[in-house]
Amino acid sequence: MVTEKKDLREERNLKNETGAASGKNETLKRVGIVGAIALVAFLLGFLPAWLSARNYENERDAAVKTLRPSVLQNTLATATINARRGEFEQARQQTSDFFTDLRAEVDREESAFSPQQREAVQQILAQRDETITQLARNDAAAVDRLTDLYFAFMQAKNSPAPEKK
């Protein structure tokens, strides 16, 4: 009889342990399902936002690419005006910035210039040292040189890009 009671207690304990383990399994399943639903909901919200952000990023990059030659043009125009006003040191610094930025744009993989425009720009870059030297010497001839460079840059910038095939 004592043995039977022990056996019954052991069976109850075994059932309780099994029931507790299956209760834990059920809880884990529920947590897993809730987690999966939360992940799906997150992705449903994240993916459209990410695609939209990627689209805006591409538009921004295209706008910046189009804008870079205009910034170069403004820098050279400002240098020309400063030289004409007799402010040769400011003109020299701006001219140096123009040539540095122009070189960077030509060397850029995604340059705003076509190959035809790059050839024309190379001729402008060849005049860098002489132009900056004239400005450093406060030479009045630098004004005419900067004006010529400005018009050469405008011509190179506005030359038609080759048609894509």
C-alpha atoms as a PDB file:
ATOM      1  CA  MET A   1       0.000   0.000   0.000  1.00  0.00           C
ATOM      2  CA  VAL A   2       2.818   2.370   0.807  1.00  0.00           C
ATOM      3  CA  THR A   3       4.420   1.364  -2.440  1.00  0.00           C
ATOM      4  CA  GLU A   4       1.218   2.076  -4.308  1.00  0.00           C
ATOM      5  CA  LYS A   5       0.994   5.561  -2.772  1.00  0.00           C
ATOM      6  CA  LYS A   6       4.590   6.229  -3.769  1.00  0.00           C
ATOM      7  CA  ASP A   7       3.834   5.064  -7.299  1.00  0.00           C
ATOM      8  CA  LEU A   8       0.783   7.333  -7.472  1.00  0.00           C
ATOM      9  CA  ARG A   9       2.807  10.302  -6.215  1.00  0.00           C
ATOM     10  CA  GLU A  10       5.546   9.629  -8.727  1.00  0.00           C
ATOM     11  CA  GLU A  11       2.971   9.420 -11.509  1.00  0.00           C
ATOM     12  CA  ARG A  12       1.463  12.746 -10.414  1.00  0.00           C
ATOM     13  CA  ASN A  13       4.909  14.367 -10.255  1.00  0.00           C
ATOM     14  CA  LEU A  14       5.738  12.972 -13.657  1.00  0.00           C
ATOM     15  CA  LYS A  15       2.455  14.287 -15.054  1.00  0.00           C
ATOM     16  CA  ASN A  16       3.087  17.704 -13.445  1.00  0.00           C
ATOM     17  CA  GLU A  17       6.605  17.861 -14.893  1.00  0.00           C
ATOM     18  CA  THR A  18       5.356  16.795 -18.309  1.00  0.00           C
ATOM     19  CA  GLY A  19       2.511  19.288 -18.086  1.00  0.00           C
ATOM     20  CA  ALA A  20       4.940  22.051 -17.059  1.00  0.00           C
ATOM     21  CA  ALA A  21       7.254  21.189 -19.932  1.00  0.00           C
ATOM     22  CA  SER A  22       4.405  21.223 -22.417  1.00  0.00           C
ATOM     23  CA  GLY A  23       3.224  24.539 -20.908  1.00  0.00           C
ATOM     24  CA  LYS A  24       6.699  25.957 -21.507  1.00  0.00           C
ATOM     25  CA  ASN A  25       6.613  24.671 -25.065  1.00  0.00           C
ATOM     26  CA  GLU A  26       3.256  26.362 -25.621  1.00  0.00           C
ATOM     27  CA  THR A  27       4.625  29.629 -24.215  1.00  0.00           C
ATOM     28  CA  LEU A  28       7.678  29.409 -26.455  1.00  0.00           C
ATOM     29  CA  LYS A  29       5.465  28.746 -29.469  1.00  0.00           C
ATOM     30  CA  ARG A  30       3.313  31.765 -28.635  1.00  0.00           C
ATOM     31  CA  VAL A  31       6.357  33.995 -28.178  1.00  0.00           C
ATOM     32  CA  GLY A  32       7.760  32.723 -31.470  1.00  0.00           C
ATOM     33  CA  ILE A  33       4.498  33.418 -33.299  1.00  0.00           C
ATOM     34  CA  VAL A  34       4.206  36.902 -31.790  1.00  0.00           C
ATOM     35  CA  GLY A  35       7.854  37.586 -32.699  1.00  0.00           C
ATOM     36  CA  ALA A  36       7.304  36.401 -36.267  1.00  0.00           C
ATOM     37  CA  ILE A  37       4.208  38.598 -36.609  1.00  0.00           C
ATOM     38  CA  ALA A  38       6.123  41.579 -35.212  1.00  0.00           C
ATOM     39  CA  LEU A  39       8.969  40.955 -37.674  1.00  0.00           C
ATOM     40  CA  VAL A  40       6.573  40.755 -40.619  1.00  0.00           C
ATOM     41  CA  ALA A  41       4.830  43.967 -39.479  1.00  0.00           C
ATOM     42  CA  PHE A  42       8.205  45.716 -39.148  1.00  0.00           C
ATOM     43  CA  LEU A  43       9.287  44.624 -42.607  1.00  0.00           C
ATOM     44  CA  LEU A  44       5.961  45.692 -44.110  1.00  0.00           C
ATOM     45  CA  GLY A  45       6.607  49.187 -42.765  1.00  0.00           C
ATOM     46  CA  PHE A  46      10.344  49.265 -43.367  1.00  0.00           C
ATOM     47  CA  LEU A  47      10.543  48.098 -46.981  1.00  0.00           C
ATOM     48  CA  PRO A  48       8.382  50.841 -48.528  1.00  0.00           C
ATOM     49  CA  ALA A  49      10.225  53.488 -46.501  1.00  0.00           C
ATOM     50  CA  TRP A  50      13.584  52.069 -47.568  1.00  0.00           C
ATOM     51  CA  LEU A  51      12.567  51.967 -51.236  1.00  0.00           C
ATOM     52  CA  SER A  52      11.309  55.531 -51.029  1.00  0.00           C
ATOM     53  CA  ALA A  53      14.536  56.703 -49.353  1.00  0.00           C
ATOM     54  CA  ARG A  54      16.594  54.942 -52.017  1.00  0.00           C
ATOM     55  CA  ASN A  55      14.605  56.670 -54.746  1.00  0.00           C
ATOM     56  CA  TYR A  56      15.131  60.081 -53.101  1.00  0.00           C
ATOM     57  CA  GLU A  57      18.837  59.332 -52.718  1.00  0.00           C
ATOM     58  CA  ASN A  58      19.133  58.630 -56.451  1.00  0.00           C
ATOM     59  CA  GLU A  59      17.272  61.843 -57.267  1.00  0.00           C
ATOM     60  CA  ARG A  60      19.553  63.808 -54.920  1.00  0.00           C
ATOM     61  CA  ASP A  61      22.672  62.321 -56.492  1.00  0.00           C
ATOM     62  CA  ALA A  62      21.439  63.236 -59.972  1.00  0.00           C
ATOM     63  CA  ALA A  63      20.717  66.809 -58.856  1.00  0.00           C
ATOM     64  CA  VAL A  64      24.143  67.161 -57.255  1.00  0.00           C
ATOM     65  CA  LYS A  65      25.808  65.813 -60.399  1.00  0.00           C
ATOM     66  CA  THR A  66      23.962  68.399 -62.490  1.00  0.00           C
ATOM     67  CA  LEU A  67      24.824  71.168 -60.038  1.00  0.00           C
ATOM     68  CA  ARG A  68      28.601  70.612 -59.813  1.00  0.00           C
ATOM     69  CA  PRO A  69      29.491  72.336 -63.120  1.00  0.00           C
ATOM     70  CA  SER A  70      27.401  75.352 -62.112  1.00  0.00           C
ATOM     71  CA  VAL A  71      29.294  75.629 -58.830  1.00  0.00           C
ATOM     72  CA  LEU A  72      32.559  75.543 -60.785  1.00  0.00           C
ATOM     73  CA  GLN A  73      31.234  78.243 -63.105  1.00  0.00           C
ATOM     74  CA  ASN A  74      30.282  80.454 -60.142  1.00  0.00           C
ATOM     75  CA  THR A  75      33.712  80.033 -58.559  1.00  0.00           C
ATOM     76  CA  LEU A  76      35.477  81.055 -61.764  1.00  0.00           C
ATOM     77  CA  ALA A  77      33.096  83.967 -62.339  1.00  0.00           C
ATOM     78  CA  THR A  78      33.701  85.242 -58.805  1.00  0.00           C
ATOM     79  CA  ALA A  79      37.459  84.979 -59.308  1.00  0.00           C
ATOM     80  CA  THR A  80      37.157  86.943 -62.564  1.00  0.00           C
ATOM     81  CA  ILE A  81      35.120  89.701 -60.893  1.00  0.00           C
ATOM     82  CA  ASN A  82      37.536  89.931 -57.966  1.00  0.00           C
ATOM     83  CA  ALA A  83      40.506  90.186 -60.344  1.00  0.00           C
ATOM     84  CA  ARG A  84      38.737  92.923 -62.298  1.00  0.00           C
ATOM     85  CA  ARG A  85      38.203  94.803 -59.015  1.00  0.00           C
ATOM     86  CA  GLY A  86      41.922  94.510 -58.219  1.00  0.00           C
ATOM     87  CA  GLU A  87      41.466  91.962 -55.417  1.00  0.00           C
ATOM     88  CA  PHE A  88      44.096  89.625 -56.818  1.00  0.00           C
ATOM     89  CA  GLU A  89      44.698  87.565 -53.659  1.00  0.00           C
ATOM     90  CA  GLN A  90      41.021  86.618 -53.352  1.00  0.00           C
ATOM     91  CA  ALA A  91      40.933  85.965 -57.094  1.00  0.00           C
ATOM     92  CA  ARG A  92      44.022  83.746 -56.787  1.00  0.00           C
ATOM     93  CA  GLN A  93      42.468  81.692 -53.987  1.00  0.00           C
ATOM     94  CA  GLN A  94      39.197  81.291 -55.869  1.00  0.00           C
ATOM     95  CA  THR A  95      41.022  80.401 -59.078  1.00  0.00           C
ATOM     96  CA  SER A  96      43.045  77.800 -57.202  1.00  0.00           C
ATOM     97  CA  ASP A  97      39.818  76.377 -55.751  1.00  0.00           C
ATOM     98  CA  PHE A  98      38.292  76.323 -59.236  1.00  0.00           C
ATOM     99  CA  PHE A  99      41.195  74.368 -60.721  1.00  0.00           C
ATOM    100  CA  THR A 100      41.320  71.958 -57.770  1.00  0.00           C
ATOM    101  CA  ASP A 101      37.585  71.277 -57.946  1.00  0.00           C
ATOM    102  CA  LEU A 102      37.675  71.033 -61.733  1.00  0.00           C
ATOM    103  CA  ARG A 103      40.460  68.429 -61.556  1.00  0.00           C
ATOM    104  CA  ALA A 104      38.461  66.484 -58.958  1.00  0.00           C
ATOM    105  CA  GLU A 105      35.372  66.573 -61.188  1.00  0.00           C
ATOM    106  CA  VAL A 106      37.278  65.385 -64.249  1.00  0.00           C
ATOM    107  CA  ASP A 107      38.865  62.558 -62.251  1.00  0.00           C
ATOM    108  CA  ARG A 108      35.546  61.533 -60.681  1.00  0.00           C
ATOM    109  CA  GLU A 109      34.152  58.214 -61.884  1.00  0.00           C
ATOM    110  CA  GLU A 110      30.624  59.654 -62.134  1.00  0.00           C
ATOM    111  CA  SER A 111      31.756  62.949 -63.661  1.00  0.00           C
ATOM    112  CA  ALA A 112      29.225  65.491 -64.835  1.00  0.00           C
ATOM    113  CA  PHE A 113      31.344  65.959 -67.971  1.00  0.00           C
ATOM    114  CA  SER A 114      31.127  63.812 -71.084  1.00  0.00           C
ATOM    115  CA  PRO A 115      34.364  62.558 -72.684  1.00  0.00           C
ATOM    116  CA  GLN A 116      34.124  65.365 -75.268  1.00  0.00           C
ATOM    117  CA  GLN A 117      33.723  67.935 -72.497  1.00  0.00           C
ATOM    118  CA  ARG A 118      36.621  66.423 -70.570  1.00  0.00           C
ATOM    119  CA  GLU A 119      38.939  67.021 -73.520  1.00  0.00           C
ATOM    120  CA  ALA A 120      37.952  70.693 -73.607  1.00  0.00           C
ATOM    121  CA  VAL A 121      38.388  70.963 -69.840  1.00  0.00           C
ATOM    122  CA  GLN A 122      41.905  69.482 -70.067  1.00  0.00           C
ATOM    123  CA  GLN A 123      42.927  72.518 -72.138  1.00  0.00           C
ATOM    124  CA  ILE A 124      41.612  74.769 -69.380  1.00  0.00           C
ATOM    125  CA  LEU A 125      43.481  72.788 -66.716  1.00  0.00           C
ATOM    126  CA  ALA A 126      46.721  73.246 -68.671  1.00  0.00           C
ATOM    127  CA  GLN A 127      46.552  76.988 -67.945  1.00  0.00           C
ATOM    128  CA  ARG A 128      46.425  76.580 -64.172  1.00  0.00           C
ATOM    129  CA  ASP A 129      49.990  77.439 -63.191  1.00  0.00           C
ATOM    130  CA  GLU A 130      50.330  80.453 -65.487  1.00  0.00           C
ATOM    131  CA  THR A 131      47.026  81.910 -64.348  1.00  0.00           C
ATOM    132  CA  ILE A 132      47.732  81.518 -60.638  1.00  0.00           C
ATOM    133  CA  THR A 133      51.230  82.955 -61.089  1.00  0.00           C
ATOM    134  CA  GLN A 134      49.820  86.029 -62.845  1.00  0.00           C
ATOM    135  CA  LEU A 135      47.338  86.546 -60.038  1.00  0.00           C
ATOM    136  CA  ALA A 136      50.053  86.143 -57.391  1.00  0.00           C
ATOM    137  CA  ARG A 137      52.059  88.890 -59.168  1.00  0.00           C
ATOM    138  CA  ASN A 138      49.000  91.170 -59.326  1.00  0.00           C
ATOM    139  CA  ASP A 139      49.361  91.214 -63.104  1.00  0.00           C
ATOM    140  CA  ALA A 140      46.502  93.041 -64.836  1.00  0.00           C
ATOM    141  CA  ALA A 141      46.752  90.562 -67.731  1.00  0.00           C
ATOM    142  CA  ALA A 142      45.311  87.955 -65.363  1.00  0.00           C
ATOM    143  CA  VAL A 143      41.901  89.615 -65.713  1.00  0.00           C
ATOM    144  CA  ASP A 144      41.818  88.936 -69.459  1.00  0.00           C
ATOM    145  CA  ARG A 145      43.129  85.416 -68.913  1.00  0.00           C
ATOM    146  CA  LEU A 146      40.395  84.673 -66.358  1.00  0.00           C
ATOM    147  CA  THR A 147      37.762  86.099 -68.693  1.00  0.00           C
ATOM    148  CA  ASP A 148      39.041  83.883 -71.505  1.00  0.00           C
ATOM    149  CA  LEU A 149      39.064  80.884 -69.152  1.00  0.00           C
ATOM    150  CA  TYR A 150      35.501  81.664 -68.116  1.00  0.00           C
ATOM    151  CA  PHE A 151      34.263  81.705 -71.706  1.00  0.00           C
ATOM    152  CA  ALA A 152      36.267  78.578 -72.553  1.00  0.00           C
ATOM    153  CA  PHE A 153      34.722  76.831 -69.531  1.00  0.00           C
ATOM    154  CA  MET A 154      31.229  77.968 -70.542  1.00  0.00           C
ATOM    155  CA  GLN A 155      31.799  76.634 -74.041  1.00  0.00           C
ATOM    156  CA  ALA A 156      33.095  73.302 -72.703  1.00  0.00           C
ATOM    157  CA  LYS A 157      30.274  73.048 -70.180  1.00  0.00           C
ATOM    158  CA  ASN A 158      27.565  73.791 -72.704  1.00  0.00           C
ATOM    159  CA  SER A 159      28.904  71.602 -75.479  1.00  0.00           C
ATOM    160  CA  PRO A 160      26.365  68.946 -76.329  1.00  0.00           C
ATOM    161  CA  ALA A 161      26.800  65.595 -74.710  1.00  0.00           C
ATOM    162  CA  PRO A 162      27.040  62.694 -77.159  1.00  0.00           C
ATOM    163  CA  GLU A 163      23.830  60.776 -77.695  1.00  0.00           C
ATOM    164  CA  LYS A 164      23.533  57.429 -75.951  1.00  0.00           C
ATOM    165  CA  LYS A 165      23.219  54.476 -78.291  1.00  0.00           C
END
